């Protein structure tokens, strides 16, 4: 269908784009946006997680087992395996793929998750975060897995990516689970594999063709389980698809920000940023009106206003562009390094600044330092960061170390980066402490005991368990402390006003 030249925005209510000619849309200057993307991502990931567990456990095959009329046969056991012992292979690693492996990790923290994408789309940060094993050869990956899960979009590069050759590599005990588009699987080859029982089974939420004709061979196979393409067919998803349209239109055409979720998100960001500034001042980590903290928001970031003492900064004071050109250059460059960076704090604290002047740089010596084990990248000072040409160098420095959470800027200071404000502030607090410990140990002049790599690696892994990750345990208590400080300030101001009033009356 040829669209009118007046159309500038196309909103799709699906996860895929195979129904849209993206090339033609780009040629006509038409922007494409997904409605209900978050809801789709989470619902599909949860649905697929459930199907993975059921497929691995051979649950669908048990539907054919006759229910006993009397007593149980204790000698009967199915041949399924738990997710904790399985080798799960995923094709693709987009938003839904990442949401899926996050779900898998919650259930099976140590299971072997393999994935394949073209080398140019490989993301080592995602690999580290979810402990994924990358395979450049899809056929070799298929030969190792217990379940093969396509999670890629359908396009000319992925059509029949689960080919006859890939299916032939699967073990007889392995299964195929597809809730991507049906066209990513060679249907004829799949029918042969199921008929020959060269694979265990196929669980299909999508097929090609779709709808599947009534007389299609797949319907007759007892090791093929077909669902009616309903991964997103829930009331909650349908509601989100409709509700998101208004905010997408308003955002695209600059009609304001009436979307409640966006306003609430901005409110929470501003509050956390204000708390982070006040905490920095409370713990003597500030430098009068200098340095800066930011959080990614929309197409830019909310950042320190400048020309204000950090103990005075309120949520409404945060700005979209700092009065400090250095702040804009550093923060823009770091956000450009990785799309999942959501917050940045840049400080010139004494201990960290001293360590930045050492040729050996930061050395993790303690348990607290495990947060930063093999996560501190360095950047050679290039003078005051007032030239935009420095941006790509800073970006490259962050990208040079997968999983980097600190950029130690030699003779300058440091930057902590992460997904949230609470994470980066707590990291900055601990980094300054670790630098102080390093300096004190060096000051003794005694021989230093450095933990082994094995010990530090184990401690580092434990430091990022969901219940102990930076900011998880500390932030609410810190926010409460700042709230208590504000109440005290209000009470003190009120008392001062009353005293002034009393003094005026008595003097009069």
Protein backbone atom coordinates (compact mmCIF):
# COMPACT_ATOMS: atom_id res chain seq x y z
CA UNK A 1 0.00 0.00 0.00
CA UNK A 2 1.40 3.39 -1.03
CA UNK A 3 1.14 5.94 1.79
CA UNK A 4 0.37 9.60 1.28
CA UNK A 5 3.36 11.96 1.21
CA UNK A 6 1.77 13.87 4.13
CA UNK A 7 2.32 10.94 6.51
CA UNK A 8 5.34 11.41 8.78
CA UNK A 9 4.73 8.86 11.53
CA UNK A 10 3.80 5.18 11.38
CA UNK A 11 2.92 3.41 14.65
CA UNK A 12 2.94 -0.39 14.63
CA UNK A 13 1.12 -2.43 17.28
CA UNK A 14 3.37 -5.47 16.95
CA UNK A 15 6.88 -6.53 17.92
CA UNK A 16 7.97 -7.26 14.35
CA UNK A 17 8.40 -4.99 11.34
CA UNK A 18 8.16 -7.62 8.59
CA UNK A 19 4.73 -6.27 7.58
CA UNK A 20 6.24 -2.85 6.87
CA UNK A 21 8.51 -1.87 3.99
CA UNK A 22 11.06 -0.13 6.20
CA UNK A 23 13.20 0.90 3.23
CA UNK A 24 10.31 2.65 1.51
CA UNK A 25 9.28 4.28 4.79
CA UNK A 26 12.79 5.63 5.30
CA UNK A 27 12.84 6.87 1.71
CA UNK A 28 9.62 8.82 2.28
CA UNK A 29 10.92 10.22 5.58
CA UNK A 30 8.37 8.28 7.63
CA UNK A 31 9.38 7.49 11.23
CA UNK A 32 8.35 4.08 12.60
CA UNK A 33 7.53 3.65 16.29
CA UNK A 34 6.36 0.65 18.32
CA UNK A 35 3.31 1.02 20.53
CA UNK A 36 3.22 -0.93 23.79
CA UNK A 37 6.81 -2.02 23.38
CA UNK A 38 7.50 -2.57 27.09
CA UNK A 39 4.32 -4.60 27.56
CA UNK A 40 5.03 -6.70 24.46
CA UNK A 41 8.60 -7.35 25.56
CA UNK A 42 7.69 -8.51 29.05
CA UNK A 43 4.67 -10.62 28.05
CA UNK A 44 6.51 -12.39 25.23
CA UNK A 45 9.52 -13.08 27.47
CA UNK A 46 7.35 -14.51 30.26
CA UNK A 47 5.33 -16.62 27.82
CA UNK A 48 8.47 -17.97 26.19
CA UNK A 49 10.08 -18.70 29.55
CA UNK A 50 7.06 -20.80 30.49
CA UNK A 51 7.21 -22.71 27.19
CA UNK A 52 10.96 -23.33 27.58
CA UNK A 53 10.44 -24.92 30.99
CA UNK A 54 7.51 -27.02 29.78
CA UNK A 55 9.32 -28.12 26.59
CA UNK A 56 12.49 -29.09 28.42
CA UNK A 57 10.46 -31.06 30.96
CA UNK A 58 8.70 -32.89 28.10
CA UNK A 59 5.39 -31.69 29.58
CA UNK A 60 3.44 -31.52 26.31
CA UNK A 61 4.13 -35.18 25.57
CA UNK A 62 2.66 -36.06 28.96
CA UNK A 63 -0.76 -34.82 27.84
CA UNK A 64 -1.09 -38.18 26.06
CA UNK A 65 -0.41 -40.23 29.17
CA UNK A 66 -3.68 -41.82 30.37
CA UNK A 67 -4.76 -40.76 33.84
CA UNK A 68 -4.70 -43.78 36.17
CA UNK A 69 -8.09 -45.17 37.15
CA UNK A 70 -6.66 -46.50 40.39
CA UNK A 71 -3.30 -45.96 42.07
CA UNK A 72 -0.12 -44.44 40.69
CA UNK A 73 2.61 -46.19 38.71
CA UNK A 74 5.72 -45.15 40.61
CA UNK A 75 7.95 -46.69 37.93
CA UNK A 76 6.79 -44.17 35.32
CA UNK A 77 9.06 -41.17 34.71
CA UNK A 78 9.26 -38.74 31.82
CA UNK A 79 12.53 -37.99 30.03
CA UNK A 80 12.50 -34.24 30.49
CA UNK A 81 15.29 -32.17 32.04
CA UNK A 82 15.09 -29.10 34.32
CA UNK A 83 16.07 -25.66 33.03
CA UNK A 84 18.92 -25.61 35.53
CA UNK A 85 20.63 -28.50 33.69
CA UNK A 86 19.79 -27.52 30.12
CA UNK A 87 21.74 -25.93 27.30
CA UNK A 88 19.54 -23.20 25.87
CA UNK A 89 20.41 -21.72 22.46
CA UNK A 90 18.90 -18.38 21.40
CA UNK A 91 19.05 -16.90 17.91
CA UNK A 92 19.03 -13.10 18.22
CA UNK A 93 19.50 -10.87 21.26
CA UNK A 94 17.26 -7.82 20.92
CA UNK A 95 15.02 -6.34 23.61
CA UNK A 96 12.83 -9.43 23.89
CA UNK A 97 15.84 -11.75 23.76
CA UNK A 98 17.48 -9.87 26.62
CA UNK A 99 14.24 -9.89 28.61
CA UNK A 100 14.04 -13.66 28.05
CA UNK A 101 17.58 -14.45 29.23
CA UNK A 102 16.96 -12.25 32.27
CA UNK A 103 13.94 -14.46 33.07
CA UNK A 104 16.02 -17.60 32.52
CA UNK A 105 18.76 -16.33 34.82
CA UNK A 106 16.20 -15.71 37.58
CA UNK A 107 15.16 -19.38 37.41
CA UNK A 108 18.45 -21.00 36.44
CA UNK A 109 21.40 -18.75 37.42
CA UNK A 110 24.09 -21.16 36.19
CA UNK A 111 22.54 -22.86 33.19
CA UNK A 112 24.37 -22.66 29.87
CA UNK A 113 22.77 -19.99 27.66
CA UNK A 114 24.24 -19.78 24.17
CA UNK A 115 23.32 -17.22 21.55
CA UNK A 116 24.03 -16.36 17.94
CA UNK A 117 23.87 -13.01 16.16
CA UNK A 118 25.95 -11.64 13.28
CA UNK A 119 29.33 -10.56 14.63
CA UNK A 120 28.58 -6.85 14.07
CA UNK A 121 25.63 -7.11 16.49
CA UNK A 122 27.56 -8.90 19.22
CA UNK A 123 27.31 -7.08 22.57
CA UNK A 124 29.95 -8.14 25.11
CA UNK A 125 28.27 -6.08 27.84
CA UNK A 126 25.07 -8.10 27.49
CA UNK A 127 27.15 -11.28 27.47
CA UNK A 128 28.79 -10.31 30.74
CA UNK A 129 25.59 -9.15 32.40
CA UNK A 130 23.64 -12.35 31.66
CA UNK A 131 26.60 -14.77 31.43
CA UNK A 132 25.98 -15.69 27.79
CA UNK A 133 28.18 -17.79 25.52
CA UNK A 134 28.49 -16.35 22.01
CA UNK A 135 28.59 -18.69 19.00
CA UNK A 136 29.52 -17.31 15.59
CA UNK A 137 28.48 -20.58 13.87
CA UNK A 138 24.77 -21.25 14.27
CA UNK A 139 25.07 -24.89 13.19
CA UNK A 140 27.71 -25.69 15.78
CA UNK A 141 25.58 -23.99 18.42
CA UNK A 142 22.57 -26.09 17.38
CA UNK A 143 24.60 -29.27 17.77
CA UNK A 144 25.27 -28.44 21.45
CA UNK A 145 21.85 -27.32 22.65
CA UNK A 146 18.86 -29.03 24.28
CA UNK A 147 16.43 -26.43 22.96
CA UNK A 148 16.78 -24.01 20.04
CA UNK A 149 14.86 -20.73 20.43
CA UNK A 150 14.71 -18.27 17.50
CA UNK A 151 14.23 -14.69 18.82
CA UNK A 152 15.12 -12.73 15.69
CA UNK A 153 13.00 -10.53 13.42
CA UNK A 154 11.96 -11.82 10.02
CA UNK A 155 13.79 -10.20 7.13
CA UNK A 156 15.75 -11.26 4.07
CA UNK A 157 18.73 -12.20 6.26
CA UNK A 158 16.79 -14.33 8.76
CA UNK A 159 14.27 -16.07 6.49
CA UNK A 160 14.82 -19.82 7.02
CA UNK A 161 17.70 -19.10 9.41
CA UNK A 162 16.58 -22.34 11.08
CA UNK A 163 17.39 -24.20 7.89
CA UNK A 164 17.52 -27.85 6.93
CA UNK A 165 21.22 -27.84 7.81
CA UNK A 166 20.63 -26.30 11.25
CA UNK A 167 17.81 -28.75 12.04
CA UNK A 168 20.07 -31.63 10.97
CA UNK A 169 22.60 -30.58 13.60
CA UNK A 170 20.12 -30.81 16.48
CA UNK A 171 20.39 -33.85 18.71
CA UNK A 172 17.50 -36.37 18.70
CA UNK A 173 16.81 -35.25 22.27
CA UNK A 174 16.70 -31.53 21.33
CA UNK A 175 13.59 -29.44 20.69
CA UNK A 176 12.67 -26.38 18.66
CA UNK A 177 10.59 -23.58 20.21
CA UNK A 178 9.50 -20.78 17.89
CA UNK A 179 7.50 -17.70 18.85
CA UNK A 180 9.37 -15.48 16.38
CA UNK A 181 7.85 -15.20 12.91
CA UNK A 182 7.06 -18.53 11.28
CA UNK A 183 9.21 -17.69 8.28
CA UNK A 184 12.46 -17.92 10.25
CA UNK A 185 12.02 -21.71 10.15
CA UNK A 186 12.14 -23.84 6.99
CA UNK A 187 8.75 -25.49 7.44
CA UNK A 188 9.32 -28.30 4.93
CA UNK A 189 12.61 -29.22 6.58
CA UNK A 190 10.94 -29.10 10.00
CA UNK A 191 8.22 -31.51 8.88
CA UNK A 192 10.88 -33.97 7.70
CA UNK A 193 12.85 -33.68 10.95
CA UNK A 194 9.71 -34.34 13.01
CA UNK A 195 8.59 -37.22 10.82
CA UNK A 196 12.03 -38.83 10.99
CA UNK A 197 12.23 -38.03 14.74
CA UNK A 198 15.69 -36.61 14.21
CA UNK A 199 14.59 -34.03 16.79
CA UNK A 200 12.44 -34.56 19.85
CA UNK A 201 9.64 -32.09 19.20
CA UNK A 202 8.64 -28.65 17.97
CA UNK A 203 6.57 -26.13 19.93
CA UNK A 204 5.25 -23.45 17.59
CA UNK A 205 3.38 -20.28 18.49
CA UNK A 206 3.89 -19.13 14.90
CA UNK A 207 3.98 -21.03 11.62
CA UNK A 208 4.56 -20.53 7.93
CA UNK A 209 2.17 -20.27 6.26
CA UNK A 210 -0.06 -18.59 8.81
CA UNK A 211 -2.83 -19.41 9.39
CA UNK A 212 -1.73 -22.97 8.84
CA UNK A 213 -4.03 -24.76 6.35
CA UNK A 214 -6.27 -27.43 7.88
CA UNK A 215 -4.69 -30.17 5.78
CA UNK A 216 -1.08 -29.20 6.57
CA UNK A 217 1.20 -32.04 7.60
CA UNK A 218 2.20 -30.33 10.88
CA UNK A 219 -1.30 -30.87 12.31
CA UNK A 220 -0.90 -34.65 12.03
CA UNK A 221 2.46 -35.00 13.80
CA UNK A 222 2.31 -36.19 17.40
CA UNK A 223 5.59 -34.45 18.28
CA UNK A 224 4.49 -31.01 17.06
CA UNK A 225 2.54 -28.70 19.41
CA UNK A 226 0.94 -25.67 17.78
CA UNK A 227 -0.35 -22.63 19.66
CA UNK A 228 -2.56 -19.92 18.12
CA UNK A 229 0.04 -17.11 17.96
CA UNK A 230 -1.08 -15.54 21.21
CA UNK A 231 2.13 -14.51 22.96
CA UNK A 232 0.79 -10.94 23.14
CA UNK A 233 -2.93 -11.65 23.03
CA UNK A 234 -3.72 -10.48 26.55
CA UNK A 235 -5.96 -7.68 27.81
CA UNK A 236 -2.96 -6.00 29.45
CA UNK A 237 -0.97 -5.85 26.20
CA UNK A 238 -3.95 -4.64 24.16
CA UNK A 239 -4.53 -1.90 26.72
CA UNK A 240 -0.87 -0.81 26.57
CA UNK A 241 -0.90 -0.81 22.76
CA UNK A 242 -3.75 1.70 22.72
CA UNK A 243 -2.62 3.83 25.66
CA UNK A 244 0.91 4.33 24.27
CA UNK A 245 -0.30 5.86 21.00
CA UNK A 246 -1.08 9.29 22.46
CA UNK A 247 2.30 9.70 24.12
CA UNK A 248 4.12 8.58 20.94
CA UNK A 249 2.22 11.13 18.84
CA UNK A 250 2.75 13.92 21.39
CA UNK A 251 6.44 13.14 21.71
CA UNK A 252 6.98 12.97 17.94
CA UNK A 253 5.13 16.20 17.13
CA UNK A 254 6.26 18.09 20.26
CA UNK A 255 2.72 18.55 21.52
CA UNK A 256 3.67 18.43 25.20
CA UNK A 257 4.22 15.66 27.68
CA UNK A 258 0.82 14.78 29.07
CA UNK A 259 1.70 11.13 29.33
CA UNK A 260 1.47 10.28 33.02
CA UNK A 261 4.17 7.62 32.92
CA UNK A 262 6.67 10.02 31.34
CA UNK A 263 5.88 12.74 33.86
CA UNK A 264 6.20 10.29 36.74
CA UNK A 265 9.50 8.99 35.39
CA UNK A 266 10.89 12.52 35.13
CA UNK A 267 9.69 13.29 38.66
CA UNK A 268 11.48 10.21 40.03
CA UNK A 269 14.68 11.03 38.11
CA UNK A 270 14.70 14.59 39.41
CA UNK A 271 14.17 13.41 42.98
CA UNK A 272 16.97 10.82 42.80
CA UNK A 273 19.33 13.33 41.20
CA UNK A 274 18.62 15.92 43.89
CA UNK A 275 19.21 13.29 46.60
CA UNK A 276 22.47 12.24 44.92
CA UNK A 277 23.73 15.84 44.91
CA UNK A 278 22.84 16.37 48.58
CA UNK A 279 24.39 13.05 49.58
CA UNK A 280 27.61 14.02 47.81
CA UNK A 281 27.72 17.22 49.84
CA UNK A 282 26.79 15.45 53.09
CA UNK A 283 29.65 12.96 52.71
CA UNK A 284 32.15 15.70 51.72
CA UNK A 285 32.60 14.39 48.19
CA UNK A 286 31.56 17.63 46.46
CA UNK A 287 33.70 20.52 45.23
CA UNK A 288 31.60 23.65 45.81
CA UNK A 289 29.60 24.22 42.59
CA UNK A 290 31.79 22.04 40.34
CA UNK A 291 31.55 18.44 39.02
CA UNK A 292 28.32 16.94 37.75
CA UNK A 293 25.76 14.13 37.91
CA UNK A 294 23.27 13.26 35.16
CA UNK A 295 20.55 10.79 34.22
CA UNK A 296 19.53 9.87 30.68
CA UNK A 297 16.06 11.21 29.84
CA UNK A 298 14.31 11.20 26.46
CA UNK A 299 16.84 12.30 23.82
CA UNK A 300 19.24 13.90 26.29
CA UNK A 301 19.85 13.96 30.01
CA UNK A 302 19.00 15.83 33.20
CA UNK A 303 22.19 17.23 34.68
CA UNK A 304 23.67 19.38 37.47
CA UNK A 305 22.60 23.04 37.00
CA UNK A 306 25.97 24.60 37.90
CA UNK A 307 26.50 27.72 40.05
CA UNK A 308 24.72 26.05 42.97
CA UNK A 309 26.08 24.40 46.10
CA UNK A 310 25.16 20.72 45.94
CA UNK A 311 23.60 20.79 49.40
CA UNK A 312 21.00 23.23 48.01
CA UNK A 313 20.01 21.45 44.80
CA UNK A 314 16.30 20.57 44.56
CA UNK A 315 14.49 18.39 41.99
CA UNK A 316 13.27 21.42 40.03
CA UNK A 317 16.84 22.75 39.69
CA UNK A 318 18.08 19.99 37.36
CA UNK A 319 18.50 21.12 33.76
CA UNK A 320 18.67 19.56 30.30
CA UNK A 321 21.90 21.31 29.38
CA UNK A 322 24.56 22.30 31.86
CA UNK A 323 26.08 25.77 32.02
CA UNK A 324 29.38 23.85 32.08
CA UNK A 325 30.50 22.86 28.57
CA UNK A 326 32.87 20.27 30.07
CA UNK A 327 29.91 18.47 31.66
CA UNK A 328 28.05 18.31 28.36
CA UNK A 329 31.07 16.92 26.47
CA UNK A 330 31.92 14.25 29.06
CA UNK A 331 28.35 13.08 29.65
CA UNK A 332 27.34 13.05 25.97
CA UNK A 333 30.45 11.02 25.12
CA UNK A 334 29.82 8.42 27.82
CA UNK A 335 26.14 8.01 26.98
CA UNK A 336 27.19 7.44 23.38
CA UNK A 337 29.40 4.52 24.47
CA UNK A 338 26.56 2.18 25.42
CA UNK A 339 22.79 2.47 25.12
CA UNK A 340 22.21 0.87 28.54
CA UNK A 341 24.08 3.61 30.45
CA UNK A 342 21.36 5.47 32.32
CA UNK A 343 23.29 7.65 34.78
CA UNK A 344 26.75 9.21 35.25
CA UNK A 345 28.56 10.87 38.14
CA UNK A 346 31.84 12.76 37.67
CA UNK A 347 33.78 13.81 40.78
CA UNK A 348 37.18 15.13 41.85
CA UNK A 349 37.30 13.53 45.30
CA UNK A 350 40.71 13.68 47.04
CA UNK A 351 41.59 9.98 47.26
CA UNK A 352 40.39 9.07 43.76
CA UNK A 353 42.15 12.15 42.36
CA UNK A 354 45.38 11.03 44.06
CA UNK A 355 45.04 7.51 42.64
CA UNK A 356 44.46 9.00 39.18
CA UNK A 357 47.95 10.50 39.47
CA UNK A 358 49.60 7.11 40.08
CA UNK A 359 51.15 5.31 37.11
CA UNK A 360 49.77 1.98 38.37
CA UNK A 361 46.34 3.54 38.78
CA UNK A 362 43.63 1.82 40.82
CA UNK A 363 44.47 -1.50 42.51
CA UNK A 364 41.61 -3.56 44.03
CA UNK A 365 42.85 -4.67 47.45
CA UNK A 366 39.73 -5.26 49.54
CA UNK A 367 36.32 -6.87 49.50
CA UNK A 368 34.71 -3.48 48.79
CA UNK A 369 36.96 -3.15 45.75
CA UNK A 370 35.35 -6.24 44.21
CA UNK A 371 32.73 -3.91 42.72
CA UNK A 372 35.51 -2.56 40.50
CA UNK A 373 37.51 -5.69 39.72
CA UNK A 374 38.40 -5.52 36.00
CA UNK A 375 35.82 -2.75 35.57
CA UNK A 376 38.02 0.37 35.77
CA UNK A 377 38.95 1.85 32.40
CA UNK A 378 41.52 4.63 32.17
CA UNK A 379 41.65 7.80 30.11
CA UNK A 380 44.76 9.88 29.60
CA UNK A 381 44.07 13.48 30.56
CA UNK A 382 43.74 15.70 27.51
CA UNK A 383 43.45 18.99 29.35
CA UNK A 384 40.21 20.77 30.23
CA UNK A 385 37.40 19.00 28.35
CA UNK A 386 36.14 22.04 26.45
CA UNK A 387 36.59 20.76 22.91
CA UNK A 388 33.91 18.54 21.35
CA UNK A 389 36.60 16.67 19.41
CA UNK A 390 37.54 15.00 22.72
CA UNK A 391 34.16 13.26 22.88
CA UNK A 392 35.02 10.28 20.63
CA UNK A 393 38.19 9.63 22.66
CA UNK A 394 36.18 9.42 25.88
CA UNK A 395 33.61 7.18 24.19
CA UNK A 396 36.38 4.86 22.96
CA UNK A 397 37.93 4.69 26.44
CA UNK A 398 34.63 3.49 27.94
CA UNK A 399 34.07 0.98 25.12
CA UNK A 400 37.61 -0.39 25.47
CA UNK A 401 36.70 -2.32 28.62
CA UNK A 402 33.57 -4.54 28.53
CA UNK A 403 31.48 -4.09 31.66
CA UNK A 404 33.30 -0.87 32.62
CA UNK A 405 31.67 0.97 35.55
CA UNK A 406 34.45 3.47 36.29
CA UNK A 407 36.45 5.70 33.97
CA UNK A 408 39.57 6.85 35.84
CA UNK A 409 40.66 10.07 34.16
CA UNK A 410 44.38 10.45 34.78
CA UNK A 411 45.35 13.56 36.80
CA UNK A 412 41.73 14.69 36.57
CA UNK A 413 39.18 12.64 38.53
CA UNK A 414 36.81 9.78 37.85
CA UNK A 415 33.43 8.90 36.40
CA UNK A 416 31.08 6.17 37.60
CA UNK A 417 28.52 4.95 35.08
CA UNK A 418 25.61 2.56 35.34
CA UNK A 419 21.93 2.03 34.72
CA UNK A 420 20.51 4.13 37.57
CA UNK A 421 21.38 7.12 39.74
CA UNK A 422 21.37 5.01 42.87
CA UNK A 423 23.84 2.58 41.32
CA UNK A 424 26.35 5.21 40.18
CA UNK A 425 26.22 7.23 43.41
CA UNK A 426 26.82 4.18 45.61
CA UNK A 427 29.62 3.07 43.27
CA UNK A 428 31.22 6.53 43.56
CA UNK A 429 31.03 6.38 47.35
CA UNK A 430 32.70 2.96 47.49
CA UNK A 431 35.27 3.87 44.84
CA UNK A 432 36.45 6.87 46.86
CA UNK A 433 36.71 4.65 49.97
CA UNK A 434 38.69 2.01 48.08
CA UNK A 435 41.07 4.66 46.75
CA UNK A 436 41.56 5.98 50.26
CA UNK A 437 42.37 2.48 51.52
CA UNK A 438 44.84 1.98 48.66
CA UNK A 439 46.64 5.20 49.56
CA UNK A 440 46.76 4.36 53.27
CA UNK A 441 48.18 0.91 52.54
CA UNK A 442 50.81 2.39 50.24
CA UNK A 443 51.65 4.95 52.94
CA UNK A 444 52.71 2.21 55.36
CA UNK A 445 55.61 1.25 53.12
CA UNK A 446 55.05 -2.39 54.00
CA UNK A 447 54.75 -5.19 51.47
CA UNK A 448 51.20 -5.27 50.13
CA UNK A 449 49.10 -8.44 50.11
CA UNK A 450 47.11 -8.46 46.88
CA UNK A 451 44.13 -10.89 46.66
CA UNK A 452 44.37 -13.58 44.01
CA UNK A 453 42.42 -13.23 40.77
CA UNK A 454 40.29 -16.23 41.74
CA UNK A 455 39.28 -14.63 45.06
CA UNK A 456 38.55 -11.24 43.51
CA UNK A 457 36.57 -12.77 40.64
CA UNK A 458 34.40 -14.69 43.10
CA UNK A 459 33.88 -11.60 45.26
CA UNK A 460 33.06 -9.52 42.17
CA UNK A 461 30.40 -11.98 41.09
CA UNK A 462 28.85 -11.97 44.57
CA UNK A 463 28.88 -8.16 44.64
CA UNK A 464 26.49 -8.03 41.71
CA UNK A 465 23.96 -10.60 42.86
CA UNK A 466 20.47 -9.04 42.57
CA UNK A 467 20.07 -8.60 46.33
CA UNK A 468 23.49 -6.96 46.82
CA UNK A 469 24.12 -4.94 43.67
CA UNK A 470 25.21 -1.31 44.20
CA UNK A 471 22.35 0.81 45.53
CA UNK A 472 19.91 -2.04 46.16
CA UNK A 473 20.38 -2.12 49.92
CA UNK A 474 21.62 1.42 50.56
CA UNK A 475 19.50 3.83 48.54
CA UNK A 476 16.21 3.86 50.46
CA UNK A 477 18.04 4.46 53.74
CA UNK A 478 20.08 7.26 52.14
CA UNK A 479 16.91 8.89 50.76
CA UNK A 480 15.35 8.69 54.21
CA UNK A 481 18.41 10.40 55.71
CA UNK A 482 18.14 13.26 53.20
CA UNK A 483 14.41 13.52 53.91
CA UNK A 484 15.16 13.76 57.64
CA UNK A 485 17.71 16.49 56.92
CA UNK A 486 15.10 18.48 54.98
CA UNK A 487 12.61 18.20 57.83
CA UNK A 488 15.27 19.43 60.25
CA UNK A 489 16.08 22.33 57.94
CA UNK A 490 12.40 23.28 57.74
CA UNK A 491 12.03 23.08 61.52
CA UNK A 492 15.18 25.18 62.01
CA UNK A 493 13.97 27.79 59.52
CA UNK A 494 10.57 27.91 61.19
CA UNK A 495 12.18 28.36 64.63
CA UNK A 496 14.44 31.09 63.25
CA UNK A 497 11.42 32.92 61.79
CA UNK A 498 9.57 32.74 65.12
CA UNK A 499 12.62 34.06 66.97
CA UNK A 500 12.89 36.94 64.51
CA UNK A 501 9.20 37.73 64.98
CA UNK A 502 9.60 37.67 68.79
CA UNK A 503 12.69 39.86 68.56
CA UNK A 504 10.80 42.37 66.40
CA UNK A 505 7.90 42.56 68.88
CA UNK A 506 10.16 43.01 71.97
CA UNK A 507 12.31 45.61 70.20
CA UNK A 508 9.24 47.52 69.16
